[in-house]
Amino acid sequence: MASRVNICQVNILNNPAEFTSKFNLEITFEVFEYLPKDLEWELVYVGSGTSSEYDQVLDSALVGPVPEGRHKFVFDAPCPNVAKIPTEDIVGVSVLLLRCKYNEQEFINLGWFVSNEYVDEELKENPPAQPLVDKLIRKVEIDDLRVTTHSIKWTEEEAATEFPEANESERVFVEEELMPMNDEEVDDEEEDDDEEEGDANAEVDLAFEEVNERVSNALNSLDGKVVENTEAAGDNDVAMEDDSGEGESIQINNDKNCFIRSIWR
């Protein structure tokens, strides 16, 4: 929905100023419809261009409820905390942001470049390794304003009209979305499945026969014979059932067992 607030003008009253001075912003805005909740204004100093973790919220102010019409107020905010700014980013160019929110939703963001420089010529030519903050002059480049706007829900009714997308598991399909399928196609698919299952079983049977044959050949090639007396076999022997499935057992020594299992893998 279209914005119910328009920022008409922002004047920075003390510009340029010393780095340690407060920010004084005179903000003029108009409201097209009565706003029962507060407008939240927030002034942010960008401490570094490489990471948002150095951003500092200098101050915030609540204005509201706001009637329809044009309004003006002065927003004062302290200077940034130098201890929270990387040393290499204190001198040079930074950014100042003015944000406005309604009902915890940001709908506009105004940004200016800020130049922090020495006025002393000697300090300009030979800047100290540790910046002298009290010698810096801060200048907000008011002629280079960047504005970003966002659509938000201004009323509870607007929020209620938006429905979240249903999960795929909860989605209800209408009849037109379903693909038609006749009985002949179903029968053909069942026959294909039966043929594939038969082929798979045949492959399994051939595989088992091949394994059994290889096992028999391996057993016959061993020097040691099958131990028939289980009491004579050592504790390291392993019992296995034969392929007949009748419960008869043979004894295979663990030393040979490694060789037999390598065939099964």
C-alpha atoms as a PDB file:
ATOM      1  CA  MET A   1       0.000   0.000   0.000  1.00  0.00           C
ATOM      2  CA  ALA A   2       1.109   3.616  -0.626  1.00  0.00           C
ATOM      3  CA  SER A   3       2.939   5.290   2.225  1.00  0.00           C
ATOM      4  CA  ARG A   4       0.873   7.313   4.677  1.00  0.00           C
ATOM      5  CA  VAL A   5       3.913   9.399   5.628  1.00  0.00           C
ATOM      6  CA  ASN A   6       6.012  11.690   3.467  1.00  0.00           C
ATOM      7  CA  ILE A   7       9.258  13.240   4.709  1.00  0.00           C
ATOM      8  CA  CYS A   8       9.271  16.727   3.263  1.00  0.00           C
ATOM      9  CA  GLN A   9      12.633  18.050   4.456  1.00  0.00           C
ATOM     10  CA  VAL A  10      15.550  17.278   6.756  1.00  0.00           C
ATOM     11  CA  ASN A  11      17.833  20.132   7.783  1.00  0.00           C
ATOM     12  CA  ILE A  12      21.083  19.426   9.621  1.00  0.00           C
ATOM     13  CA  LEU A  13      21.325  22.529  11.770  1.00  0.00           C
ATOM     14  CA  ASN A  14      24.975  22.267  12.874  1.00  0.00           C
ATOM     15  CA  ASN A  15      26.839  21.407   9.694  1.00  0.00           C
ATOM     16  CA  PRO A  16      29.795  21.381   9.507  1.00  0.00           C
ATOM     17  CA  ALA A  17      30.654  20.776  13.161  1.00  0.00           C
ATOM     18  CA  GLU A  18      33.312  19.287  15.379  1.00  0.00           C
ATOM     19  CA  PHE A  19      33.368  15.486  15.407  1.00  0.00           C
ATOM     20  CA  THR A  20      32.477  15.454  19.121  1.00  0.00           C
ATOM     21  CA  SER A  21      29.414  17.703  18.648  1.00  0.00           C
ATOM     22  CA  LYS A  22      25.844  16.457  18.773  1.00  0.00           C
ATOM     23  CA  PHE A  23      23.790  15.936  15.637  1.00  0.00           C
ATOM     24  CA  ASN A  24      20.850  18.356  15.325  1.00  0.00           C
ATOM     25  CA  LEU A  25      18.305  17.387  12.654  1.00  0.00           C
ATOM     26  CA  GLU A  26      15.169  19.405  11.936  1.00  0.00           C
ATOM     27  CA  ILE A  27      12.677  17.005  10.358  1.00  0.00           C
ATOM     28  CA  THR A  28       9.521  18.079   8.535  1.00  0.00           C
ATOM     29  CA  PHE A  29       7.004  15.422   7.509  1.00  0.00           C
ATOM     30  CA  GLU A  30       3.347  15.093   6.595  1.00  0.00           C
ATOM     31  CA  VAL A  31       0.808  12.412   7.410  1.00  0.00           C
ATOM     32  CA  PHE A  32      -2.039  11.634   4.994  1.00  0.00           C
ATOM     33  CA  GLU A  33      -4.158   9.630   7.464  1.00  0.00           C
ATOM     34  CA  TYR A  34      -4.329   9.532  11.235  1.00  0.00           C
ATOM     35  CA  LEU A  35      -1.716   7.165  12.728  1.00  0.00           C
ATOM     36  CA  PRO A  36      -2.827   5.708  16.083  1.00  0.00           C
ATOM     37  CA  LYS A  37       0.652   4.318  16.815  1.00  0.00           C
ATOM     38  CA  ASP A  38       4.036   6.008  17.190  1.00  0.00           C
ATOM     39  CA  LEU A  39       6.489   6.768  14.433  1.00  0.00           C
ATOM     40  CA  GLU A  40       9.920   5.572  15.521  1.00  0.00           C
ATOM     41  CA  TRP A  41      12.863   7.664  14.274  1.00  0.00           C
ATOM     42  CA  GLU A  42      16.380   6.279  14.489  1.00  0.00           C
ATOM     43  CA  LEU A  43      19.758   7.876  13.686  1.00  0.00           C
ATOM     44  CA  VAL A  44      22.578   5.452  12.797  1.00  0.00           C
ATOM     45  CA  TYR A  45      26.293   6.121  12.260  1.00  0.00           C
ATOM     46  CA  VAL A  46      28.072   3.615  10.020  1.00  0.00           C
ATOM     47  CA  GLY A  47      31.424   3.000  11.690  1.00  0.00           C
ATOM     48  CA  SER A  48      32.958   0.903   8.917  1.00  0.00           C
ATOM     49  CA  GLY A  49      32.245   0.117   5.303  1.00  0.00           C
ATOM     50  CA  THR A  50      33.386  -3.486   5.713  1.00  0.00           C
ATOM     51  CA  SER A  51      31.045  -4.756   8.445  1.00  0.00           C
ATOM     52  CA  SER A  52      27.667  -3.801   9.918  1.00  0.00           C
ATOM     53  CA  GLU A  53      28.840  -4.811  13.390  1.00  0.00           C
ATOM     54  CA  TYR A  54      30.362  -1.318  13.760  1.00  0.00           C
ATOM     55  CA  ASP A  55      27.050   0.471  13.082  1.00  0.00           C
ATOM     56  CA  GLN A  56      25.976   2.598  16.042  1.00  0.00           C
ATOM     57  CA  VAL A  57      22.414   3.646  16.821  1.00  0.00           C
ATOM     58  CA  LEU A  58      23.110   7.133  18.127  1.00  0.00           C
ATOM     59  CA  ASP A  59      19.579   7.737  19.391  1.00  0.00           C
ATOM     60  CA  SER A  60      15.905   7.068  18.710  1.00  0.00           C
ATOM     61  CA  ALA A  61      12.711   9.064  19.223  1.00  0.00           C
ATOM     62  CA  LEU A  62       9.015   8.213  19.300  1.00  0.00           C
ATOM     63  CA  VAL A  63       6.499  10.634  17.803  1.00  0.00           C
ATOM     64  CA  GLY A  64       2.813   9.863  18.064  1.00  0.00           C
ATOM     65  CA  PRO A  65      -0.010   9.226  17.839  1.00  0.00           C
ATOM     66  CA  VAL A  66       0.160  11.468  14.782  1.00  0.00           C
ATOM     67  CA  PRO A  67      -2.851  13.339  13.348  1.00  0.00           C
ATOM     68  CA  GLU A  68      -3.247  14.096   9.679  1.00  0.00           C
ATOM     69  CA  GLY A  69      -1.265  17.114   8.502  1.00  0.00           C
ATOM     70  CA  ARG A  70       2.270  18.556   8.414  1.00  0.00           C
ATOM     71  CA  HIS A  71       4.574  18.301  11.434  1.00  0.00           C
ATOM     72  CA  LYS A  72       8.075  19.404  12.441  1.00  0.00           C
ATOM     73  CA  PHE A  73      10.448  18.501  15.266  1.00  0.00           C
ATOM     74  CA  VAL A  74      14.185  18.657  16.103  1.00  0.00           C
ATOM     75  CA  PHE A  75      15.989  15.358  16.603  1.00  0.00           C
ATOM     76  CA  ASP A  76      19.143  15.616  18.757  1.00  0.00           C
ATOM     77  CA  ALA A  77      21.603  12.718  18.930  1.00  0.00           C
ATOM     78  CA  PRO A  78      25.082  12.355  20.467  1.00  0.00           C
ATOM     79  CA  CYS A  79      28.236  11.881  18.428  1.00  0.00           C
ATOM     80  CA  PRO A  80      29.421   8.315  17.751  1.00  0.00           C
ATOM     81  CA  ASN A  81      31.544   6.460  20.287  1.00  0.00           C
ATOM     82  CA  VAL A  82      35.068   6.501  18.842  1.00  0.00           C
ATOM     83  CA  ALA A  83      36.034   3.390  20.823  1.00  0.00           C
ATOM     84  CA  LYS A  84      33.549   1.398  18.720  1.00  0.00           C
ATOM     85  CA  ILE A  85      35.004   2.536  15.381  1.00  0.00           C
ATOM     86  CA  PRO A  86      38.040   0.837  13.800  1.00  0.00           C
ATOM     87  CA  THR A  87      41.046   3.158  14.029  1.00  0.00           C
ATOM     88  CA  GLU A  88      41.560   3.199  10.261  1.00  0.00           C
ATOM     89  CA  ASP A  89      37.917   4.294   9.699  1.00  0.00           C
ATOM     90  CA  ILE A  90      37.778   7.256  12.090  1.00  0.00           C
ATOM     91  CA  VAL A  91      39.293   9.698   9.588  1.00  0.00           C
ATOM     92  CA  GLY A  92      37.770   9.796   6.120  1.00  0.00           C
ATOM     93  CA  VAL A  93      34.331   9.130   4.694  1.00  0.00           C
ATOM     94  CA  SER A  94      31.474   7.445   6.543  1.00  0.00           C
ATOM     95  CA  VAL A  95      27.658   7.335   6.309  1.00  0.00           C
ATOM     96  CA  LEU A  96      24.805   8.726   8.421  1.00  0.00           C
ATOM     97  CA  LEU A  97      21.391   7.017   8.229  1.00  0.00           C
ATOM     98  CA  LEU A  98      17.984   8.293   9.314  1.00  0.00           C
ATOM     99  CA  ARG A  99      15.410   5.521   9.538  1.00  0.00           C
ATOM    100  CA  CYS A 100      11.713   5.693  10.263  1.00  0.00           C
ATOM    101  CA  LYS A 101       9.467   2.812  11.342  1.00  0.00           C
ATOM    102  CA  TYR A 102       5.783   2.321  11.981  1.00  0.00           C
ATOM    103  CA  ASN A 103       4.487  -0.624  13.946  1.00  0.00           C
ATOM    104  CA  GLU A 104       8.059  -2.050  13.991  1.00  0.00           C
ATOM    105  CA  GLN A 105       8.282  -1.879  10.166  1.00  0.00           C
ATOM    106  CA  GLU A 106      10.854   0.302   8.454  1.00  0.00           C
ATOM    107  CA  PHE A 107       9.301   2.197   5.555  1.00  0.00           C
ATOM    108  CA  ILE A 108      11.979   4.791   4.713  1.00  0.00           C
ATOM    109  CA  ASN A 109      15.742   5.162   5.029  1.00  0.00           C
ATOM    110  CA  LEU A 110      17.644   8.375   4.278  1.00  0.00           C
ATOM    111  CA  GLY A 111      21.426   8.314   3.922  1.00  0.00           C
ATOM    112  CA  TRP A 112      24.181  10.931   3.646  1.00  0.00           C
ATOM    113  CA  PHE A 113      27.919  10.648   3.252  1.00  0.00           C
ATOM    114  CA  VAL A 114      29.905  12.118   6.142  1.00  0.00           C
ATOM    115  CA  SER A 115      33.433  13.478   5.803  1.00  0.00           C
ATOM    116  CA  ASN A 116      35.686  13.538   8.884  1.00  0.00           C
ATOM    117  CA  GLU A 117      38.866  15.505   8.175  1.00  0.00           C
ATOM    118  CA  TYR A 118      41.507  17.646   9.843  1.00  0.00           C
ATOM    119  CA  VAL A 119      41.460  21.388   9.179  1.00  0.00           C
ATOM    120  CA  ASP A 120      45.046  21.831  10.306  1.00  0.00           C
ATOM    121  CA  GLU A 121      47.319  21.624   7.270  1.00  0.00           C
ATOM    122  CA  GLU A 122      50.126  19.943   9.175  1.00  0.00           C
ATOM    123  CA  LEU A 123      47.777  17.210  10.421  1.00  0.00           C
ATOM    124  CA  LYS A 124      46.459  16.760   6.889  1.00  0.00           C
ATOM    125  CA  GLU A 125      49.965  16.221   5.522  1.00  0.00           C
ATOM    126  CA  ASN A 126      51.178  14.108   8.451  1.00  0.00           C
ATOM    127  CA  PRO A 127      48.154  12.469  10.093  1.00  0.00           C
ATOM    128  CA  PRO A 128      48.995  10.771  13.404  1.00  0.00           C
ATOM    129  CA  ALA A 129      48.714   6.992  13.712  1.00  0.00           C
ATOM    130  CA  GLN A 130      46.157   7.467  16.482  1.00  0.00           C
ATOM    131  CA  PRO A 131      43.562   9.976  15.216  1.00  0.00           C
ATOM    132  CA  LEU A 132      43.112  13.185  17.216  1.00  0.00           C
ATOM    133  CA  VAL A 133      39.338  13.213  17.477  1.00  0.00           C
ATOM    134  CA  ASP A 134      39.145  16.687  18.996  1.00  0.00           C
ATOM    135  CA  LYS A 135      40.879  18.070  15.875  1.00  0.00           C
ATOM    136  CA  LEU A 136      38.455  16.483  13.406  1.00  0.00           C
ATOM    137  CA  ILE A 137      35.704  18.398  11.617  1.00  0.00           C
ATOM    138  CA  ARG A 138      32.581  16.515  10.595  1.00  0.00           C
ATOM    139  CA  LYS A 139      30.688  17.544   7.463  1.00  0.00           C
ATOM    140  CA  VAL A 140      27.494  15.876   6.279  1.00  0.00           C
ATOM    141  CA  GLU A 141      27.200  16.000   2.478  1.00  0.00           C
ATOM    142  CA  ILE A 142      23.592  17.195   2.348  1.00  0.00           C
ATOM    143  CA  ASP A 143      23.637  17.583  -1.446  1.00  0.00           C
ATOM    144  CA  ASP A 144      24.107  13.834  -1.903  1.00  0.00           C
ATOM    145  CA  LEU A 145      21.004  12.329  -0.305  1.00  0.00           C
ATOM    146  CA  ARG A 146      20.095   8.653  -0.862  1.00  0.00           C
ATOM    147  CA  VAL A 147      16.509   7.560  -0.131  1.00  0.00           C
ATOM    148  CA  THR A 148      15.218   3.984   0.131  1.00  0.00           C
ATOM    149  CA  THR A 149      11.527   3.197   0.694  1.00  0.00           C
ATOM    150  CA  HIS A 150       9.739  -0.023   1.678  1.00  0.00           C
ATOM    151  CA  SER A 151       6.088  -1.094   1.476  1.00  0.00           C
ATOM    152  CA  ILE A 152       4.594  -1.964   4.864  1.00  0.00           C
ATOM    153  CA  LYS A 153       1.214  -2.815   6.421  1.00  0.00           C
ATOM    154  CA  TRP A 154      -0.203   0.371   7.901  1.00  0.00           C
ATOM    155  CA  THR A 155      -3.302  -1.254   9.459  1.00  0.00           C
ATOM    156  CA  GLU A 156      -4.202  -4.580  11.047  1.00  0.00           C
ATOM    157  CA  GLU A 157      -6.753  -5.114   8.275  1.00  0.00           C
ATOM    158  CA  GLU A 158      -3.980  -5.081   5.678  1.00  0.00           C
ATOM    159  CA  ALA A 159      -2.084  -7.723   7.618  1.00  0.00           C
ATOM    160  CA  ALA A 160      -5.187  -9.932   7.825  1.00  0.00           C
ATOM    161  CA  THR A 161      -5.774  -9.889   4.068  1.00  0.00           C
ATOM    162  CA  GLU A 162      -2.437 -11.593   3.320  1.00  0.00           C
ATOM    163  CA  PHE A 163      -2.444 -15.360   3.613  1.00  0.00           C
ATOM    164  CA  PRO A 164       0.738 -17.436   3.921  1.00  0.00           C
ATOM    165  CA  GLU A 165       1.398 -20.008   1.241  1.00  0.00           C
ATOM    166  CA  ALA A 166       0.241 -23.474   2.223  1.00  0.00           C
ATOM    167  CA  ASN A 167       2.765 -26.228   2.644  1.00  0.00           C
ATOM    168  CA  GLU A 168       2.889 -28.784  -0.162  1.00  0.00           C
ATOM    169  CA  SER A 169       1.546 -31.450   2.226  1.00  0.00           C
ATOM    170  CA  GLU A 170      -1.450 -29.246   3.099  1.00  0.00           C
ATOM    171  CA  ARG A 171      -2.249 -28.167  -0.446  1.00  0.00           C
ATOM    172  CA  VAL A 172      -5.641 -29.222  -1.872  1.00  0.00           C
ATOM    173  CA  PHE A 173      -5.593 -29.955  -5.596  1.00  0.00           C
ATOM    174  CA  VAL A 174      -8.634 -29.251  -7.726  1.00  0.00           C
ATOM    175  CA  GLU A 175      -9.836 -31.816 -10.214  1.00  0.00           C
ATOM    176  CA  GLU A 176      -8.513 -29.889 -13.240  1.00  0.00           C
ATOM    177  CA  GLU A 177      -4.952 -30.085 -11.842  1.00  0.00           C
ATOM    178  CA  LEU A 178      -4.981 -33.872 -11.712  1.00  0.00           C
ATOM    179  CA  MET A 179      -3.725 -35.839 -14.730  1.00  0.00           C
ATOM    180  CA  PRO A 180      -6.322 -38.256 -16.208  1.00  0.00           C
ATOM    181  CA  MET A 181      -5.408 -41.961 -16.161  1.00  0.00           C
ATOM    182  CA  ASN A 182      -7.460 -44.754 -17.755  1.00  0.00           C
ATOM    183  CA  ASP A 183      -7.611 -48.440 -16.777  1.00  0.00           C
ATOM    184  CA  GLU A 184      -5.480 -49.553 -19.732  1.00  0.00           C
ATOM    185  CA  GLU A 185      -2.577 -47.377 -18.573  1.00  0.00           C
ATOM    186  CA  VAL A 186      -2.890 -48.837 -15.066  1.00  0.00           C
ATOM    187  CA  ASP A 187      -2.855 -52.418 -16.412  1.00  0.00           C
ATOM    188  CA  ASP A 188       0.175 -51.685 -18.594  1.00  0.00           C
ATOM    189  CA  GLU A 189       2.072 -50.259 -15.615  1.00  0.00           C
ATOM    190  CA  GLU A 190       1.221 -53.330 -13.491  1.00  0.00           C
ATOM    191  CA  GLU A 191       2.457 -55.673 -16.245  1.00  0.00           C
ATOM    192  CA  ASP A 192       5.709 -53.704 -16.545  1.00  0.00           C
ATOM    193  CA  ASP A 193       6.187 -53.922 -12.773  1.00  0.00           C
ATOM    194  CA  ASP A 194       5.627 -57.723 -12.847  1.00  0.00           C
ATOM    195  CA  GLU A 195       8.169 -58.147 -15.647  1.00  0.00           C
ATOM    196  CA  GLU A 196      10.757 -56.040 -13.817  1.00  0.00           C
ATOM    197  CA  GLU A 197      10.178 -58.025 -10.603  1.00  0.00           C
ATOM    198  CA  GLY A 198      10.589 -61.330 -12.472  1.00  0.00           C
ATOM    199  CA  ASP A 199      13.842 -60.176 -14.041  1.00  0.00           C
ATOM    200  CA  ALA A 200      15.117 -59.071 -10.639  1.00  0.00           C
ATOM    201  CA  ASN A 201      14.298 -62.440  -9.082  1.00  0.00           C
ATOM    202  CA  ALA A 202      16.066 -64.254 -11.921  1.00  0.00           C
ATOM    203  CA  GLU A 203      19.154 -62.115 -11.414  1.00  0.00           C
ATOM    204  CA  VAL A 204      19.108 -62.851  -7.665  1.00  0.00           C
ATOM    205  CA  ASP A 205      18.815 -66.607  -8.264  1.00  0.00           C
ATOM    206  CA  LEU A 206      21.741 -66.561 -10.686  1.00  0.00           C
ATOM    207  CA  ALA A 207      23.791 -64.563  -8.212  1.00  0.00           C
ATOM    208  CA  PHE A 208      23.140 -67.036  -5.396  1.00  0.00           C
ATOM    209  CA  GLU A 209      24.004 -69.987  -7.619  1.00  0.00           C
ATOM    210  CA  GLU A 210      27.275 -68.342  -8.603  1.00  0.00           C
ATOM    211  CA  VAL A 211      28.142 -67.597  -4.962  1.00  0.00           C
ATOM    212  CA  ASN A 212      27.314 -71.156  -3.866  1.00  0.00           C
ATOM    213  CA  GLU A 213      29.479 -72.588  -6.615  1.00  0.00           C
ATOM    214  CA  ARG A 214      32.402 -70.351  -5.675  1.00  0.00           C
ATOM    215  CA  VAL A 215      32.038 -71.243  -2.002  1.00  0.00           C
ATOM    216  CA  SER A 216      32.014 -74.967  -2.792  1.00  0.00           C
ATOM    217  CA  ASN A 217      35.106 -74.640  -4.948  1.00  0.00           C
ATOM    218  CA  ALA A 218      36.867 -72.676  -2.233  1.00  0.00           C
ATOM    219  CA  LEU A 219      36.008 -75.274   0.407  1.00  0.00           C
ATOM    220  CA  ASN A 220      37.216 -78.118  -1.795  1.00  0.00           C
ATOM    221  CA  SER A 221      40.489 -76.353  -2.459  1.00  0.00           C
ATOM    222  CA  LEU A 222      41.305 -75.942   1.217  1.00  0.00           C
ATOM    223  CA  ASP A 223      43.894 -78.322   2.659  1.00  0.00           C
ATOM    224  CA  GLY A 224      41.942 -78.843   5.870  1.00  0.00           C
ATOM    225  CA  LYS A 225      38.774 -80.997   5.783  1.00  0.00           C
ATOM    226  CA  VAL A 226      35.482 -80.155   7.390  1.00  0.00           C
ATOM    227  CA  VAL A 227      35.537 -80.957  11.067  1.00  0.00           C
ATOM    228  CA  GLU A 228      32.686 -83.308  11.874  1.00  0.00           C
ATOM    229  CA  ASN A 229      33.223 -83.496  15.639  1.00  0.00           C
ATOM    230  CA  THR A 230      32.213 -80.152  17.147  1.00  0.00           C
ATOM    231  CA  GLU A 231      33.884 -81.023  20.435  1.00  0.00           C
ATOM    232  CA  ALA A 232      37.237 -81.439  18.660  1.00  0.00           C
ATOM    233  CA  ALA A 233      36.985 -78.006  17.088  1.00  0.00           C
ATOM    234  CA  GLY A 234      38.650 -75.119  18.894  1.00  0.00           C
ATOM    235  CA  ASP A 235      36.982 -72.095  20.501  1.00  0.00           C
ATOM    236  CA  ASN A 236      37.933 -70.029  17.473  1.00  0.00           C
ATOM    237  CA  ASP A 237      35.688 -72.017  15.098  1.00  0.00           C
ATOM    238  CA  VAL A 238      32.519 -70.580  13.577  1.00  0.00           C
ATOM    239  CA  ALA A 239      29.401 -72.667  12.788  1.00  0.00           C
ATOM    240  CA  MET A 240      27.491 -72.062   9.527  1.00  0.00           C
ATOM    241  CA  GLU A 241      24.340 -73.622   8.124  1.00  0.00           C
ATOM    242  CA  ASP A 242      24.611 -75.368   4.760  1.00  0.00           C
ATOM    243  CA  ASP A 243      22.528 -74.400   1.703  1.00  0.00           C
ATOM    244  CA  SER A 244      20.033 -77.244   2.219  1.00  0.00           C
ATOM    245  CA  GLY A 245      18.365 -75.312   5.029  1.00  0.00           C
ATOM    246  CA  GLU A 246      17.940 -78.495   7.108  1.00  0.00           C
ATOM    247  CA  GLY A 247      19.857 -77.133  10.075  1.00  0.00           C
ATOM    248  CA  GLU A 248      23.024 -79.192   9.549  1.00  0.00           C
ATOM    249  CA  SER A 249      26.234 -77.330  10.414  1.00  0.00           C
ATOM    250  CA  ILE A 250      29.806 -77.383   9.274  1.00  0.00           C
ATOM    251  CA  GLN A 251      32.872 -76.036  11.000  1.00  0.00           C
ATOM    252  CA  ILE A 252      35.146 -73.493   9.326  1.00  0.00           C
ATOM    253  CA  ASN A 253      38.286 -72.240  11.018  1.00  0.00           C
ATOM    254  CA  ASN A 254      38.517 -68.473  11.551  1.00  0.00           C
ATOM    255  CA  ASP A 255      41.712 -68.306   9.515  1.00  0.00           C
ATOM    256  CA  LYS A 256      39.825 -69.547   6.483  1.00  0.00           C
ATOM    257  CA  ASN A 257      36.708 -67.576   7.345  1.00  0.00           C
ATOM    258  CA  CYS A 258      38.361 -64.379   6.163  1.00  0.00           C
ATOM    259  CA  PHE A 259      38.851 -65.916   2.754  1.00  0.00           C
ATOM    260  CA  ILE A 260      35.253 -67.172   2.569  1.00  0.00           C
ATOM    261  CA  ARG A 261      33.728 -63.759   3.539  1.00  0.00           C
ATOM    262  CA  SER A 262      35.744 -61.984   0.916  1.00  0.00           C
ATOM    263  CA  ILE A 263      33.770 -63.942  -1.717  1.00  0.00           C
ATOM    264  CA  TRP A 264      30.440 -62.750  -0.292  1.00  0.00           C
ATOM    265  CA  ARG A 265      31.365 -59.056  -0.506  1.00  0.00           C
END
